[in-house]
Amino acid sequence: MANWASTSYRIEGSESDLKKVYDVIDNFVTGKSKPVLEDASKEWEGNIVKALGASDEQLKESYLRGFIEEYELDGDVIRINAEEAWGATDFRHILGNLMPELTIYYIVEEAGCDVFATNDIDGKYFPERYLVDAYVKDADFYEYFETKGQMKDFVSSLIGKEDFTDEDIEAWNEEHEDDDSYIYVHEFLYVE
């Protein structure tokens, strides 16, 4: 069974290109268009790229295990939230090849395989650079931070130590294993 990643996309382009992509997504998700494969879900990302011109060979050779959960056309950007197996799929690559005038930003999170990545190097849509997932003193935390300093201040408040290393966090986790407390710090990597 797959570990499901949360992937968010922000797609920029001309008004006509964005409307074209949005309408294709909307037609499949709302059931106005039938999935391109008999056994495919209406939310499958493959429907979108196939309807926009992807070849059967592109579909076959690409990793497309993702499903649209939410989508909206918000002025000059399409916002998509998807659930994708193991990490980001080839959806953005195929869409970008089919419509090279689009700019596609994304961020992906999958804690099971420690996949935390984005191509939004300037933080235009996804400024978060760190995620702290913690359970401390019967309180859950799932906090995003834009800077290392912000993350370190927060973790310091949890472990009671101002200057700490990754090894200090590991030691803290081992010390608190019996009370089910934990602190995990994830850094978003920059990828294409």
C-alpha atoms as a PDB file:
ATOM      1  CA  MET A   1       0.000   0.000   0.000  1.00  0.00           C
ATOM      2  CA  ALA A   2       1.291   3.447  -0.906  1.00  0.00           C
ATOM      3  CA  ASN A   3       2.257   6.213   1.461  1.00  0.00           C
ATOM      4  CA  TRP A   4       0.166   9.145   0.308  1.00  0.00           C
ATOM      5  CA  ALA A   5       1.817  12.508  -0.133  1.00  0.00           C
ATOM      6  CA  SER A   6       0.070  15.849   0.026  1.00  0.00           C
ATOM      7  CA  THR A   7       1.060  17.895  -2.999  1.00  0.00           C
ATOM      8  CA  SER A   8      -0.038  21.450  -3.698  1.00  0.00           C
ATOM      9  CA  TYR A   9       0.356  23.128  -7.070  1.00  0.00           C
ATOM     10  CA  ARG A  10       0.120  26.746  -8.145  1.00  0.00           C
ATOM     11  CA  ILE A  11      -0.053  27.189 -11.895  1.00  0.00           C
ATOM     12  CA  GLU A  12       0.474  30.518 -13.636  1.00  0.00           C
ATOM     13  CA  GLY A  13      -0.175  31.326 -17.271  1.00  0.00           C
ATOM     14  CA  SER A  14      -2.337  33.273 -19.646  1.00  0.00           C
ATOM     15  CA  GLU A  15      -6.013  33.620 -18.843  1.00  0.00           C
ATOM     16  CA  SER A  16      -6.961  31.358 -21.767  1.00  0.00           C
ATOM     17  CA  ASP A  17      -4.451  28.635 -20.829  1.00  0.00           C
ATOM     18  CA  LEU A  18      -5.517  28.660 -17.196  1.00  0.00           C
ATOM     19  CA  LYS A  19      -9.189  28.483 -18.167  1.00  0.00           C
ATOM     20  CA  LYS A  20      -8.429  25.572 -20.499  1.00  0.00           C
ATOM     21  CA  VAL A  21      -6.651  23.594 -17.762  1.00  0.00           C
ATOM     22  CA  TYR A  22      -9.237  24.497 -15.128  1.00  0.00           C
ATOM     23  CA  ASP A  23     -12.151  23.485 -17.355  1.00  0.00           C
ATOM     24  CA  VAL A  24     -10.550  20.109 -18.088  1.00  0.00           C
ATOM     25  CA  ILE A  25     -10.048  19.460 -14.363  1.00  0.00           C
ATOM     26  CA  ASP A  26     -13.565  20.615 -13.525  1.00  0.00           C
ATOM     27  CA  ASN A  27     -15.172  18.519 -16.259  1.00  0.00           C
ATOM     28  CA  PHE A  28     -13.560  15.322 -14.977  1.00  0.00           C
ATOM     29  CA  VAL A  29     -14.020  15.951 -11.268  1.00  0.00           C
ATOM     30  CA  THR A  30     -17.685  16.951 -11.644  1.00  0.00           C
ATOM     31  CA  GLY A  31     -18.404  13.999 -13.940  1.00  0.00           C
ATOM     32  CA  LYS A  32     -19.108  16.015 -17.103  1.00  0.00           C
ATOM     33  CA  SER A  33     -16.292  14.091 -18.813  1.00  0.00           C
ATOM     34  CA  LYS A  34     -15.692  10.370 -18.401  1.00  0.00           C
ATOM     35  CA  PRO A  35     -12.256   9.176 -17.237  1.00  0.00           C
ATOM     36  CA  VAL A  36      -9.868   8.412 -20.093  1.00  0.00           C
ATOM     37  CA  LEU A  37      -9.342   4.848 -18.892  1.00  0.00           C
ATOM     38  CA  GLU A  38     -12.213   2.540 -18.064  1.00  0.00           C
ATOM     39  CA  ASP A  39     -11.051   1.815 -14.510  1.00  0.00           C
ATOM     40  CA  ALA A  40      -9.683   5.298 -13.718  1.00  0.00           C
ATOM     41  CA  SER A  41     -11.023   7.579 -11.025  1.00  0.00           C
ATOM     42  CA  LYS A  42     -12.566  10.857 -12.160  1.00  0.00           C
ATOM     43  CA  GLU A  43     -10.006  12.681  -9.952  1.00  0.00           C
ATOM     44  CA  TRP A  44      -6.960  10.956 -11.536  1.00  0.00           C
ATOM     45  CA  GLU A  45      -4.291  13.375 -12.787  1.00  0.00           C
ATOM     46  CA  GLY A  46      -3.830  11.253 -15.910  1.00  0.00           C
ATOM     47  CA  ASN A  47      -7.277  12.303 -17.144  1.00  0.00           C
ATOM     48  CA  ILE A  48      -6.176  15.920 -17.232  1.00  0.00           C
ATOM     49  CA  VAL A  49      -2.937  15.480 -19.138  1.00  0.00           C
ATOM     50  CA  LYS A  50      -4.523  13.011 -21.578  1.00  0.00           C
ATOM     51  CA  ALA A  51      -7.356  15.440 -22.341  1.00  0.00           C
ATOM     52  CA  LEU A  52      -4.768  18.182 -22.887  1.00  0.00           C
ATOM     53  CA  GLY A  53      -2.912  16.082 -25.458  1.00  0.00           C
ATOM     54  CA  ALA A  54      -0.655  13.572 -23.691  1.00  0.00           C
ATOM     55  CA  SER A  55      -0.052  10.454 -25.751  1.00  0.00           C
ATOM     56  CA  ASP A  56      -0.801   6.933 -24.561  1.00  0.00           C
ATOM     57  CA  GLU A  57       2.967   6.397 -24.515  1.00  0.00           C
ATOM     58  CA  GLN A  58       3.463   9.413 -22.225  1.00  0.00           C
ATOM     59  CA  LEU A  59       0.833   8.057 -19.850  1.00  0.00           C
ATOM     60  CA  LYS A  60       2.371   4.593 -19.883  1.00  0.00           C
ATOM     61  CA  GLU A  61       5.944   5.809 -19.314  1.00  0.00           C
ATOM     62  CA  SER A  62       5.073   8.344 -16.611  1.00  0.00           C
ATOM     63  CA  TYR A  63       4.453   7.996 -12.919  1.00  0.00           C
ATOM     64  CA  LEU A  64       0.875   9.209 -12.478  1.00  0.00           C
ATOM     65  CA  ARG A  65      -0.501   7.941  -9.173  1.00  0.00           C
ATOM     66  CA  GLY A  66      -2.168  11.136  -8.064  1.00  0.00           C
ATOM     67  CA  PHE A  67      -5.686  12.377  -7.485  1.00  0.00           C
ATOM     68  CA  ILE A  68      -7.074  15.907  -7.409  1.00  0.00           C
ATOM     69  CA  GLU A  69      -8.686  16.682  -4.054  1.00  0.00           C
ATOM     70  CA  GLU A  70      -9.302  20.431  -4.361  1.00  0.00           C
ATOM     71  CA  TYR A  71      -8.914  22.906  -7.188  1.00  0.00           C
ATOM     72  CA  GLU A  72      -9.831  26.494  -7.941  1.00  0.00           C
ATOM     73  CA  LEU A  73      -9.121  29.194 -10.462  1.00  0.00           C
ATOM     74  CA  ASP A  74      -8.121  32.141  -8.309  1.00  0.00           C
ATOM     75  CA  GLY A  75      -7.582  35.144 -10.570  1.00  0.00           C
ATOM     76  CA  ASP A  76      -4.350  34.524 -12.422  1.00  0.00           C
ATOM     77  CA  VAL A  77      -3.438  31.192 -10.795  1.00  0.00           C
ATOM     78  CA  ILE A  78      -4.863  27.681 -10.541  1.00  0.00           C
ATOM     79  CA  ARG A  79      -4.588  26.189  -7.059  1.00  0.00           C
ATOM     80  CA  ILE A  80      -4.598  22.401  -6.845  1.00  0.00           C
ATOM     81  CA  ASN A  81      -4.272  20.128  -3.833  1.00  0.00           C
ATOM     82  CA  ALA A  82      -3.629  16.508  -4.719  1.00  0.00           C
ATOM     83  CA  GLU A  83      -2.964  13.220  -3.008  1.00  0.00           C
ATOM     84  CA  GLU A  84      -0.058  11.446  -4.707  1.00  0.00           C
ATOM     85  CA  ALA A  85       1.574   8.094  -3.987  1.00  0.00           C
ATOM     86  CA  TRP A  86       5.030   8.237  -2.389  1.00  0.00           C
ATOM     87  CA  GLY A  87       5.759  11.846  -3.407  1.00  0.00           C
ATOM     88  CA  ALA A  88       5.192  14.216  -6.300  1.00  0.00           C
ATOM     89  CA  THR A  89       4.182  12.486  -9.534  1.00  0.00           C
ATOM     90  CA  ASP A  90       5.049  13.297 -13.153  1.00  0.00           C
ATOM     91  CA  PHE A  91       1.868  15.366 -13.516  1.00  0.00           C
ATOM     92  CA  ARG A  92       3.730  18.695 -13.440  1.00  0.00           C
ATOM     93  CA  HIS A  93       6.334  17.503 -15.955  1.00  0.00           C
ATOM     94  CA  ILE A  94       3.782  16.272 -18.489  1.00  0.00           C
ATOM     95  CA  LEU A  95       1.594  19.359 -18.078  1.00  0.00           C
ATOM     96  CA  GLY A  96       4.664  21.572 -18.478  1.00  0.00           C
ATOM     97  CA  ASN A  97       5.700  19.739 -21.655  1.00  0.00           C
ATOM     98  CA  LEU A  98       2.200  19.992 -23.115  1.00  0.00           C
ATOM     99  CA  MET A  99       1.838  23.657 -22.197  1.00  0.00           C
ATOM    100  CA  PRO A 100       5.353  25.102 -21.827  1.00  0.00           C
ATOM    101  CA  GLU A 101       4.052  28.645 -21.351  1.00  0.00           C
ATOM    102  CA  LEU A 102       2.663  27.612 -17.934  1.00  0.00           C
ATOM    103  CA  THR A 103       4.743  28.102 -14.803  1.00  0.00           C
ATOM    104  CA  ILE A 104       4.087  25.296 -12.333  1.00  0.00           C
ATOM    105  CA  TYR A 105       5.092  25.608  -8.688  1.00  0.00           C
ATOM    106  CA  TYR A 106       4.614  22.788  -6.211  1.00  0.00           C
ATOM    107  CA  ILE A 107       5.319  21.606  -2.692  1.00  0.00           C
ATOM    108  CA  VAL A 108       5.081  18.003  -1.512  1.00  0.00           C
ATOM    109  CA  GLU A 109       4.972  16.422   1.961  1.00  0.00           C
ATOM    110  CA  GLU A 110       5.133  12.726   2.771  1.00  0.00           C
ATOM    111  CA  ALA A 111       6.401  11.984   6.275  1.00  0.00           C
ATOM    112  CA  GLY A 112       6.639   8.180   5.978  1.00  0.00           C
ATOM    113  CA  CYS A 113       9.440   8.341   3.422  1.00  0.00           C
ATOM    114  CA  ASP A 114      10.664  11.758   4.586  1.00  0.00           C
ATOM    115  CA  VAL A 115       9.802  13.513   1.321  1.00  0.00           C
ATOM    116  CA  PHE A 116       9.581  17.283   1.798  1.00  0.00           C
ATOM    117  CA  ALA A 117      10.332  19.233  -1.368  1.00  0.00           C
ATOM    118  CA  THR A 118       9.417  22.276  -3.438  1.00  0.00           C
ATOM    119  CA  ASN A 119      10.512  23.970  -6.630  1.00  0.00           C
ATOM    120  CA  ASP A 120       9.384  27.379  -5.320  1.00  0.00           C
ATOM    121  CA  ILE A 121      12.891  28.610  -4.545  1.00  0.00           C
ATOM    122  CA  ASP A 122      11.765  32.234  -4.036  1.00  0.00           C
ATOM    123  CA  GLY A 123       8.831  31.313  -1.787  1.00  0.00           C
ATOM    124  CA  LYS A 124       6.296  33.007  -4.056  1.00  0.00           C
ATOM    125  CA  TYR A 125       3.500  30.575  -3.131  1.00  0.00           C
ATOM    126  CA  PHE A 126       5.210  28.198  -0.708  1.00  0.00           C
ATOM    127  CA  PRO A 127       7.460  30.198   1.637  1.00  0.00           C
ATOM    128  CA  GLU A 128       7.696  27.432   4.225  1.00  0.00           C
ATOM    129  CA  ARG A 129      11.167  25.925   4.547  1.00  0.00           C
ATOM    130  CA  TYR A 130      10.766  23.845   7.703  1.00  0.00           C
ATOM    131  CA  LEU A 131       8.023  21.747   9.253  1.00  0.00           C
ATOM    132  CA  VAL A 132       8.040  20.744  12.900  1.00  0.00           C
ATOM    133  CA  ASP A 133       5.813  17.778  13.712  1.00  0.00           C
ATOM    134  CA  ALA A 134       5.745  17.270  17.464  1.00  0.00           C
ATOM    135  CA  TYR A 135       3.811  15.844  20.380  1.00  0.00           C
ATOM    136  CA  VAL A 136       4.996  17.372  23.644  1.00  0.00           C
ATOM    137  CA  LYS A 137       3.238  17.529  27.033  1.00  0.00           C
ATOM    138  CA  ASP A 138      -0.039  16.200  25.601  1.00  0.00           C
ATOM    139  CA  ALA A 139      -0.093  18.830  22.849  1.00  0.00           C
ATOM    140  CA  ASP A 140       0.189  18.232  19.101  1.00  0.00           C
ATOM    141  CA  PHE A 141       2.147  20.629  16.914  1.00  0.00           C
ATOM    142  CA  TYR A 142       2.355  20.725  13.124  1.00  0.00           C
ATOM    143  CA  GLU A 143       4.013  24.058  12.476  1.00  0.00           C
ATOM    144  CA  TYR A 144       5.578  25.572   9.354  1.00  0.00           C
ATOM    145  CA  PHE A 145       8.442  28.053   9.413  1.00  0.00           C
ATOM    146  CA  GLU A 146       9.958  30.259   6.743  1.00  0.00           C
ATOM    147  CA  THR A 147      13.393  30.536   8.340  1.00  0.00           C
ATOM    148  CA  LYS A 148      15.792  28.331  10.250  1.00  0.00           C
ATOM    149  CA  GLY A 149      15.792  30.889  13.064  1.00  0.00           C
ATOM    150  CA  GLN A 150      12.013  30.672  13.482  1.00  0.00           C
ATOM    151  CA  MET A 151      12.181  26.879  13.525  1.00  0.00           C
ATOM    152  CA  LYS A 152      15.035  26.858  16.054  1.00  0.00           C
ATOM    153  CA  ASP A 153      13.186  29.283  18.365  1.00  0.00           C
ATOM    154  CA  PHE A 154      10.128  27.034  18.323  1.00  0.00           C
ATOM    155  CA  VAL A 155      12.046  23.801  18.909  1.00  0.00           C
ATOM    156  CA  SER A 156      14.041  25.510  21.687  1.00  0.00           C
ATOM    157  CA  SER A 157      10.763  26.303  23.438  1.00  0.00           C
ATOM    158  CA  LEU A 158       9.790  22.624  23.246  1.00  0.00           C
ATOM    159  CA  ILE A 159      13.040  21.060  24.442  1.00  0.00           C
ATOM    160  CA  GLY A 160      14.086  23.805  26.846  1.00  0.00           C
ATOM    161  CA  LYS A 161      17.480  24.253  25.249  1.00  0.00           C
ATOM    162  CA  GLU A 162      18.439  27.394  23.352  1.00  0.00           C
ATOM    163  CA  ASP A 163      21.218  26.059  21.162  1.00  0.00           C
ATOM    164  CA  PHE A 164      20.705  22.496  19.934  1.00  0.00           C
ATOM    165  CA  THR A 165      21.816  20.082  17.243  1.00  0.00           C
ATOM    166  CA  ASP A 166      20.038  17.302  15.374  1.00  0.00           C
ATOM    167  CA  GLU A 167      21.684  14.910  17.841  1.00  0.00           C
ATOM    168  CA  ASP A 168      20.138  16.847  20.744  1.00  0.00           C
ATOM    169  CA  ILE A 169      16.683  16.363  19.210  1.00  0.00           C
ATOM    170  CA  GLU A 170      17.366  12.638  18.743  1.00  0.00           C
ATOM    171  CA  ALA A 171      18.495  12.378  22.377  1.00  0.00           C
ATOM    172  CA  TRP A 172      15.380  14.282  23.517  1.00  0.00           C
ATOM    173  CA  ASN A 173      13.190  11.884  21.522  1.00  0.00           C
ATOM    174  CA  GLU A 174      14.905   8.876  23.123  1.00  0.00           C
ATOM    175  CA  GLU A 175      14.483  10.364  26.614  1.00  0.00           C
ATOM    176  CA  HIS A 176      10.762  10.906  26.026  1.00  0.00           C
ATOM    177  CA  GLU A 177      10.008   7.645  24.241  1.00  0.00           C
ATOM    178  CA  ASP A 178       8.025   6.269  27.189  1.00  0.00           C
ATOM    179  CA  ASP A 179       5.597   9.196  27.297  1.00  0.00           C
ATOM    180  CA  ASP A 180       5.045   9.029  23.500  1.00  0.00           C
ATOM    181  CA  SER A 181       6.461  12.515  23.004  1.00  0.00           C
ATOM    182  CA  TYR A 182       8.438  13.304  19.870  1.00  0.00           C
ATOM    183  CA  ILE A 183       9.838  16.155  17.814  1.00  0.00           C
ATOM    184  CA  TYR A 184      10.559  15.776  14.105  1.00  0.00           C
ATOM    185  CA  VAL A 185      12.057  18.606  12.089  1.00  0.00           C
ATOM    186  CA  HIS A 186      11.696  18.387   8.314  1.00  0.00           C
ATOM    187  CA  GLU A 187      13.453  20.699   5.888  1.00  0.00           C
ATOM    188  CA  PHE A 188      11.939  21.279   2.458  1.00  0.00           C
ATOM    189  CA  LEU A 189      14.506  20.538  -0.238  1.00  0.00           C
ATOM    190  CA  TYR A 190      14.663  22.504  -3.472  1.00  0.00           C
ATOM    191  CA  VAL A 191      14.108  20.344  -6.543  1.00  0.00           C
ATOM    192  CA  GLU A 192      13.121  20.912 -10.161  1.00  0.00           C
END
